[in-house]
Structure formats: structure tokens, C-alpha cells
């Protein structure tokens, strides 16, 4: 199976290096790859995406990329210091989620600057019924390693980090669309 035509290699690599990394590592475990190969998220993801179709590593990567087939996308323009920058948001997962007795909304968000895919970000977010906005549970450094990582719903203690209001509004819109369609995670 080939990757979705609408998703560039850069988007696939960034997904596999960040939001899909845990699933990729679990799926690759039977191959017995050394930690030297699996340690660097970006190198591993690049190797998987650019591997020869038909090889086990490529097939595993394509299976892990499945959430991108149904990902929803949006575009927003953020103005900072009077300079507008357009961003594409790719949301592979959004919907109601329950973990550890907490129930709320959960979303995964990939952001890419439309000026170039080198400006990118990835987040796991949640929104509990009492929250006024989405809260960042996990964000990723440019290397693909997590910078902040808290379990779903646990970010309510201490300092809360939230995405910009434009991104939260798009996540709210997508969650409302799914709610009217009866979909959830």
C-alpha cells in the first residue's frame, strides 16, 4: 500500500518521528532492529518512508501511517510582528477519549508553515469538560523527541500550556463536526 498521495514525505516523516513514533517502535520490535537504528526519531522515520516498497520496514511504516489517510486539515494565518504566516494543520486523531477515569476530548495536531515544511510542530492535546481551551499534553522538539509529555488529562495541575486561539478554534470546529457525525476515538 502506498502512502496517501496528499501527504508529502516530509509530513509522513514528521508524523512517524513524533505522534506515530510509539506505534512505529512497537510495530518494528519483531524485526529486532538495534537501538542505534531506532534511537533517532527523524533518522528512523526517514529510513522507513524512503525504504523500498515491499520491504517489511516499508510495509510496517505504511500501516502506522494509516491515521493520515483520514486526517482532517485546515489552514490558518497567524500574524506576528505584522508578518502573516500561513499554517496547515493536519489532525490525524480527534474525538472523545477516556483514560484513567478522565473523559474529555483528545486530538493530535501536526502544524506546518506553508512557507516551508521545515517550520513544523506536533502536539497531543486534550480538553476536559471544565477547560476553556485545549491544553497541550505533549509537544515535540525539532529532533522528534518529546519536550513536554504528560498523560491525557493530567496537565490540569501546574502551568497549563495552550495552543494559539486560532488553532484551538479549528480543533473545536473539527470536534463539533465529528460530534454531529457521531464519531469518536
C-alpha atoms as a PDB file:
ATOM      1  CA  UNK A   1       0.000   0.000   0.000  1.00  0.00           C
ATOM      2  CA  UNK A   2       1.378   3.439  -0.854  1.00  0.00           C
ATOM      3  CA  UNK A   3       1.218   6.472   1.386  1.00  0.00           C
ATOM      4  CA  UNK A   4      -1.640   8.868   0.727  1.00  0.00           C
ATOM      5  CA  UNK A   5      -0.836  10.989  -2.305  1.00  0.00           C
ATOM      6  CA  UNK A   6      -1.946  14.133  -0.481  1.00  0.00           C
ATOM      7  CA  UNK A   7       0.710  13.679   2.220  1.00  0.00           C
ATOM      8  CA  UNK A   8       4.261  14.635   1.388  1.00  0.00           C
ATOM      9  CA  UNK A   9       7.260  12.638   2.524  1.00  0.00           C
ATOM     10  CA  UNK A  10       8.057  15.475   4.953  1.00  0.00           C
ATOM     11  CA  UNK A  11       4.604  15.170   6.572  1.00  0.00           C
ATOM     12  CA  UNK A  12       4.905  11.394   6.785  1.00  0.00           C
ATOM     13  CA  UNK A  13       8.386  11.608   8.315  1.00  0.00           C
ATOM     14  CA  UNK A  14       7.297  14.203  10.872  1.00  0.00           C
ATOM     15  CA  UNK A  15       4.260  12.092  11.848  1.00  0.00           C
ATOM     16  CA  UNK A  16       6.353   8.917  12.261  1.00  0.00           C
ATOM     17  CA  UNK A  17       9.035  10.796  14.220  1.00  0.00           C
ATOM     18  CA  UNK A  18       6.533  12.367  16.635  1.00  0.00           C
ATOM     19  CA  UNK A  19       2.898  11.315  17.043  1.00  0.00           C
ATOM     20  CA  UNK A  20       3.331   7.900  15.421  1.00  0.00           C
ATOM     21  CA  UNK A  21       6.715   7.069  16.976  1.00  0.00           C
ATOM     22  CA  UNK A  22       5.443   4.796  19.761  1.00  0.00           C
ATOM     23  CA  UNK A  23       3.277   2.801  17.339  1.00  0.00           C
ATOM     24  CA  UNK A  24       6.181   2.604  14.881  1.00  0.00           C
ATOM     25  CA  UNK A  25       8.579   1.276  17.523  1.00  0.00           C
ATOM     26  CA  UNK A  26       6.016  -1.327  18.714  1.00  0.00           C
ATOM     27  CA  UNK A  27       5.417  -2.457  15.142  1.00  0.00           C
ATOM     28  CA  UNK A  28       9.129  -2.633  14.327  1.00  0.00           C
ATOM     29  CA  UNK A  29      10.011  -4.591  17.514  1.00  0.00           C
ATOM     30  CA  UNK A  30       9.666  -8.051  15.838  1.00  0.00           C
ATOM     31  CA  UNK A  31      12.350  -7.035  13.310  1.00  0.00           C
ATOM     32  CA  UNK A  32      14.899  -6.766  16.152  1.00  0.00           C
ATOM     33  CA  UNK A  33      16.446  -3.520  14.940  1.00  0.00           C
ATOM     34  CA  UNK A  34      19.312  -2.227  17.074  1.00  0.00           C
ATOM     35  CA  UNK A  35      18.871   0.802  19.313  1.00  0.00           C
ATOM     36  CA  UNK A  36      21.433   2.575  17.110  1.00  0.00           C
ATOM     37  CA  UNK A  37      18.833   2.460  14.314  1.00  0.00           C
ATOM     38  CA  UNK A  38      15.761   3.286  16.418  1.00  0.00           C
ATOM     39  CA  UNK A  39      17.187   5.935  18.777  1.00  0.00           C
ATOM     40  CA  UNK A  40      16.985   8.961  16.465  1.00  0.00           C
ATOM     41  CA  UNK A  41      13.308   9.592  15.610  1.00  0.00           C
ATOM     42  CA  UNK A  42      13.934  11.627  12.451  1.00  0.00           C
ATOM     43  CA  UNK A  43      16.527   9.255  11.008  1.00  0.00           C
ATOM     44  CA  UNK A  44      14.343   6.222  11.665  1.00  0.00           C
ATOM     45  CA  UNK A  45      11.248   7.887  10.192  1.00  0.00           C
ATOM     46  CA  UNK A  46      13.210   8.991   7.116  1.00  0.00           C
ATOM     47  CA  UNK A  47      14.544   5.457   6.659  1.00  0.00           C
ATOM     48  CA  UNK A  48      11.045   3.980   6.923  1.00  0.00           C
ATOM     49  CA  UNK A  49       9.411   6.443   4.493  1.00  0.00           C
ATOM     50  CA  UNK A  50      12.171   6.199   1.902  1.00  0.00           C
ATOM     51  CA  UNK A  51      12.648   2.422   2.157  1.00  0.00           C
ATOM     52  CA  UNK A  52      11.921   0.220  -0.827  1.00  0.00           C
ATOM     53  CA  UNK A  53       8.208  -0.605  -1.190  1.00  0.00           C
ATOM     54  CA  UNK A  54       7.551  -4.231  -0.373  1.00  0.00           C
ATOM     55  CA  UNK A  55      10.225  -4.455   2.314  1.00  0.00           C
ATOM     56  CA  UNK A  56       8.945  -5.274   5.800  1.00  0.00           C
ATOM     57  CA  UNK A  57      10.077  -1.923   7.222  1.00  0.00           C
ATOM     58  CA  UNK A  58       8.197  -0.041   4.492  1.00  0.00           C
ATOM     59  CA  UNK A  59       5.017  -2.082   4.982  1.00  0.00           C
ATOM     60  CA  UNK A  60       5.140  -1.505   8.738  1.00  0.00           C
ATOM     61  CA  UNK A  61       5.600   2.225   8.171  1.00  0.00           C
ATOM     62  CA  UNK A  62       2.616   2.351   5.831  1.00  0.00           C
ATOM     63  CA  UNK A  63       0.438   0.612   8.425  1.00  0.00           C
ATOM     64  CA  UNK A  64       1.475   3.110  11.112  1.00  0.00           C
ATOM     65  CA  UNK A  65       0.721   5.987   8.708  1.00  0.00           C
ATOM     66  CA  UNK A  66      -2.955   4.929   8.421  1.00  0.00           C
ATOM     67  CA  UNK A  67      -4.265   7.819  10.596  1.00  0.00           C
ATOM     68  CA  UNK A  68      -3.004  10.231   7.942  1.00  0.00           C
ATOM     69  CA  UNK A  69      -5.373   8.648   5.385  1.00  0.00           C
ATOM     70  CA  UNK A  70      -8.378  10.066   7.233  1.00  0.00           C
ATOM     71  CA  UNK A  71      -6.674  13.115   8.734  1.00  0.00           C
ATOM     72  CA  UNK A  72      -8.588  16.346   8.608  1.00  0.00           C
ATOM     73  CA  UNK A  73      -6.760  19.502   7.644  1.00  0.00           C
ATOM     74  CA  UNK A  74      -7.194  23.240   7.997  1.00  0.00           C
ATOM     75  CA  UNK A  75      -5.293  26.391   7.118  1.00  0.00           C
ATOM     76  CA  UNK A  76      -4.931  29.462   9.319  1.00  0.00           C
ATOM     77  CA  UNK A  77      -2.866  32.614   9.091  1.00  0.00           C
ATOM     78  CA  UNK A  78      -1.053  33.831  12.182  1.00  0.00           C
ATOM     79  CA  UNK A  79       0.234  37.392  12.281  1.00  0.00           C
ATOM     80  CA  UNK A  80       3.270  38.072  14.430  1.00  0.00           C
ATOM     81  CA  UNK A  81       5.066  41.426  14.363  1.00  0.00           C
ATOM     82  CA  UNK A  82       2.840  42.429  11.421  1.00  0.00           C
ATOM     83  CA  UNK A  83       4.123  39.466   9.393  1.00  0.00           C
ATOM     84  CA  UNK A  84       1.437  36.970   8.347  1.00  0.00           C
ATOM     85  CA  UNK A  85       2.406  33.315   8.234  1.00  0.00           C
ATOM     86  CA  UNK A  86       0.056  30.655   6.879  1.00  0.00           C
ATOM     87  CA  UNK A  87      -0.016  27.289   8.623  1.00  0.00           C
ATOM     88  CA  UNK A  88      -1.526  23.985   7.586  1.00  0.00           C
ATOM     89  CA  UNK A  89      -2.848  21.921  10.458  1.00  0.00           C
ATOM     90  CA  UNK A  90      -3.200  18.162   9.981  1.00  0.00           C
ATOM     91  CA  UNK A  91      -5.352  16.386  12.590  1.00  0.00           C
ATOM     92  CA  UNK A  92      -4.969  12.589  12.355  1.00  0.00           C
ATOM     93  CA  UNK A  93      -6.933  11.935  15.568  1.00  0.00           C
ATOM     94  CA  UNK A  94      -9.681  13.911  17.285  1.00  0.00           C
ATOM     95  CA  UNK A  95     -12.615  12.858  19.407  1.00  0.00           C
ATOM     96  CA  UNK A  96     -13.799  11.797  22.826  1.00  0.00           C
ATOM     97  CA  UNK A  97     -11.255   9.860  24.870  1.00  0.00           C
ATOM     98  CA  UNK A  98     -11.264   8.190  28.293  1.00  0.00           C
ATOM     99  CA  UNK A  99      -8.115   7.291  30.226  1.00  0.00           C
ATOM    100  CA  UNK A 100      -7.516   6.790  33.928  1.00  0.00           C
ATOM    101  CA  UNK A 101     -11.063   7.770  34.825  1.00  0.00           C
ATOM    102  CA  UNK A 102     -10.850  11.070  32.918  1.00  0.00           C
ATOM    103  CA  UNK A 103     -13.103  11.666  29.922  1.00  0.00           C
ATOM    104  CA  UNK A 104     -12.646  14.561  27.564  1.00  0.00           C
ATOM    105  CA  UNK A 105     -11.596  15.432  24.050  1.00  0.00           C
ATOM    106  CA  UNK A 106      -8.268  14.310  22.636  1.00  0.00           C
ATOM    107  CA  UNK A 107      -6.524  15.488  19.476  1.00  0.00           C
ATOM    108  CA  UNK A 108      -3.241  15.037  17.699  1.00  0.00           C
ATOM    109  CA  UNK A 109      -2.074  18.014  15.651  1.00  0.00           C
ATOM    110  CA  UNK A 110       0.720  18.416  13.124  1.00  0.00           C
ATOM    111  CA  UNK A 111       1.464  22.004  12.090  1.00  0.00           C
ATOM    112  CA  UNK A 112       3.431  23.044   9.030  1.00  0.00           C
ATOM    113  CA  UNK A 113       4.294  26.545   7.916  1.00  0.00           C
ATOM    114  CA  UNK A 114       3.158  26.910   4.312  1.00  0.00           C
ATOM    115  CA  UNK A 115       6.357  28.827   3.585  1.00  0.00           C
ATOM    116  CA  UNK A 116       8.268  25.588   4.030  1.00  0.00           C
ATOM    117  CA  UNK A 117       7.831  22.241   5.755  1.00  0.00           C
ATOM    118  CA  UNK A 118      10.979  22.910   7.785  1.00  0.00           C
ATOM    119  CA  UNK A 119       8.855  25.022  10.175  1.00  0.00           C
ATOM    120  CA  UNK A 120       6.790  22.360  11.880  1.00  0.00           C
ATOM    121  CA  UNK A 121       5.339  21.296  15.221  1.00  0.00           C
ATOM    122  CA  UNK A 122       3.477  18.315  16.653  1.00  0.00           C
ATOM    123  CA  UNK A 123       1.197  18.180  19.680  1.00  0.00           C
ATOM    124  CA  UNK A 124      -1.034  15.867  21.665  1.00  0.00           C
ATOM    125  CA  UNK A 125      -3.825  17.930  23.188  1.00  0.00           C
ATOM    126  CA  UNK A 126      -6.770  17.390  25.481  1.00  0.00           C
ATOM    127  CA  UNK A 127      -9.798  19.356  26.534  1.00  0.00           C
ATOM    128  CA  UNK A 128     -11.666  18.306  29.641  1.00  0.00           C
ATOM    129  CA  UNK A 129     -15.295  19.406  30.092  1.00  0.00           C
ATOM    130  CA  UNK A 130     -14.218  22.155  32.550  1.00  0.00           C
ATOM    131  CA  UNK A 131     -11.448  23.539  30.324  1.00  0.00           C
ATOM    132  CA  UNK A 132     -11.940  26.772  28.430  1.00  0.00           C
ATOM    133  CA  UNK A 133      -9.455  25.773  25.731  1.00  0.00           C
ATOM    134  CA  UNK A 134      -7.328  22.890  24.516  1.00  0.00           C
ATOM    135  CA  UNK A 135      -4.332  22.070  26.714  1.00  0.00           C
ATOM    136  CA  UNK A 136      -1.017  20.774  25.356  1.00  0.00           C
ATOM    137  CA  UNK A 137      -0.228  17.387  26.895  1.00  0.00           C
ATOM    138  CA  UNK A 138       2.778  16.653  24.659  1.00  0.00           C
ATOM    139  CA  UNK A 139       4.800  18.760  22.297  1.00  0.00           C
ATOM    140  CA  UNK A 140       7.830  17.693  20.339  1.00  0.00           C
ATOM    141  CA  UNK A 141      11.223  19.291  19.796  1.00  0.00           C
ATOM    142  CA  UNK A 142      12.592  19.667  16.245  1.00  0.00           C
ATOM    143  CA  UNK A 143      14.503  16.396  16.800  1.00  0.00           C
ATOM    144  CA  UNK A 144      11.251  14.470  17.229  1.00  0.00           C
ATOM    145  CA  UNK A 145      11.853  13.776  20.922  1.00  0.00           C
ATOM    146  CA  UNK A 146       9.127  14.983  23.342  1.00  0.00           C
ATOM    147  CA  UNK A 147       9.796  18.311  25.037  1.00  0.00           C
ATOM    148  CA  UNK A 148       6.771  18.118  27.346  1.00  0.00           C
ATOM    149  CA  UNK A 149       4.955  14.868  27.971  1.00  0.00           C
ATOM    150  CA  UNK A 150       2.062  14.419  30.370  1.00  0.00           C
ATOM    151  CA  UNK A 151      -0.618  11.731  30.335  1.00  0.00           C
ATOM    152  CA  UNK A 152      -4.066  12.590  28.973  1.00  0.00           C
ATOM    153  CA  UNK A 153      -5.898  14.932  31.340  1.00  0.00           C
ATOM    154  CA  UNK A 154      -3.023  15.329  33.793  1.00  0.00           C
ATOM    155  CA  UNK A 155      -1.940  18.756  32.579  1.00  0.00           C
ATOM    156  CA  UNK A 156      -4.604  20.358  34.752  1.00  0.00           C
ATOM    157  CA  UNK A 157      -2.115  20.643  37.607  1.00  0.00           C
ATOM    158  CA  UNK A 158       0.560  23.299  37.422  1.00  0.00           C
ATOM    159  CA  UNK A 159       1.112  25.599  34.488  1.00  0.00           C
ATOM    160  CA  UNK A 160      -1.167  24.921  31.537  1.00  0.00           C
ATOM    161  CA  UNK A 161       0.149  25.465  28.048  1.00  0.00           C
ATOM    162  CA  UNK A 162      -2.393  26.085  25.323  1.00  0.00           C
ATOM    163  CA  UNK A 163      -2.137  26.468  21.543  1.00  0.00           C
ATOM    164  CA  UNK A 164      -2.910  29.807  19.928  1.00  0.00           C
ATOM    165  CA  UNK A 165      -6.614  30.671  19.875  1.00  0.00           C
ATOM    166  CA  UNK A 166      -6.801  30.200  16.073  1.00  0.00           C
ATOM    167  CA  UNK A 167      -5.641  26.589  16.392  1.00  0.00           C
ATOM    168  CA  UNK A 168      -7.983  25.924  19.335  1.00  0.00           C
ATOM    169  CA  UNK A 169     -10.896  27.304  17.323  1.00  0.00           C
ATOM    170  CA  UNK A 170     -10.109  24.925  14.438  1.00  0.00           C
ATOM    171  CA  UNK A 171      -9.886  21.968  16.828  1.00  0.00           C
ATOM    172  CA  UNK A 172     -13.243  22.984  18.336  1.00  0.00           C
ATOM    173  CA  UNK A 173     -14.741  23.160  14.845  1.00  0.00           C
ATOM    174  CA  UNK A 174     -13.430  19.710  13.908  1.00  0.00           C
ATOM    175  CA  UNK A 175     -14.598  18.210  17.223  1.00  0.00           C
ATOM    176  CA  UNK A 176     -18.068  19.709  16.673  1.00  0.00           C
ATOM    177  CA  UNK A 177     -18.185  18.257  13.143  1.00  0.00           C
ATOM    178  CA  UNK A 178     -17.286  14.817  14.476  1.00  0.00           C
ATOM    179  CA  UNK A 179     -19.829  15.151  17.272  1.00  0.00           C
ATOM    180  CA  UNK A 180     -22.606  15.799  14.776  1.00  0.00           C
ATOM    181  CA  UNK A 181     -21.435  12.784  12.758  1.00  0.00           C
ATOM    182  CA  UNK A 182     -21.268  10.556  15.862  1.00  0.00           C
ATOM    183  CA  UNK A 183     -17.529   9.759  15.528  1.00  0.00           C
ATOM    184  CA  UNK A 184     -15.033   9.412  18.371  1.00  0.00           C
ATOM    185  CA  UNK A 185     -11.586   7.999  19.125  1.00  0.00           C
END
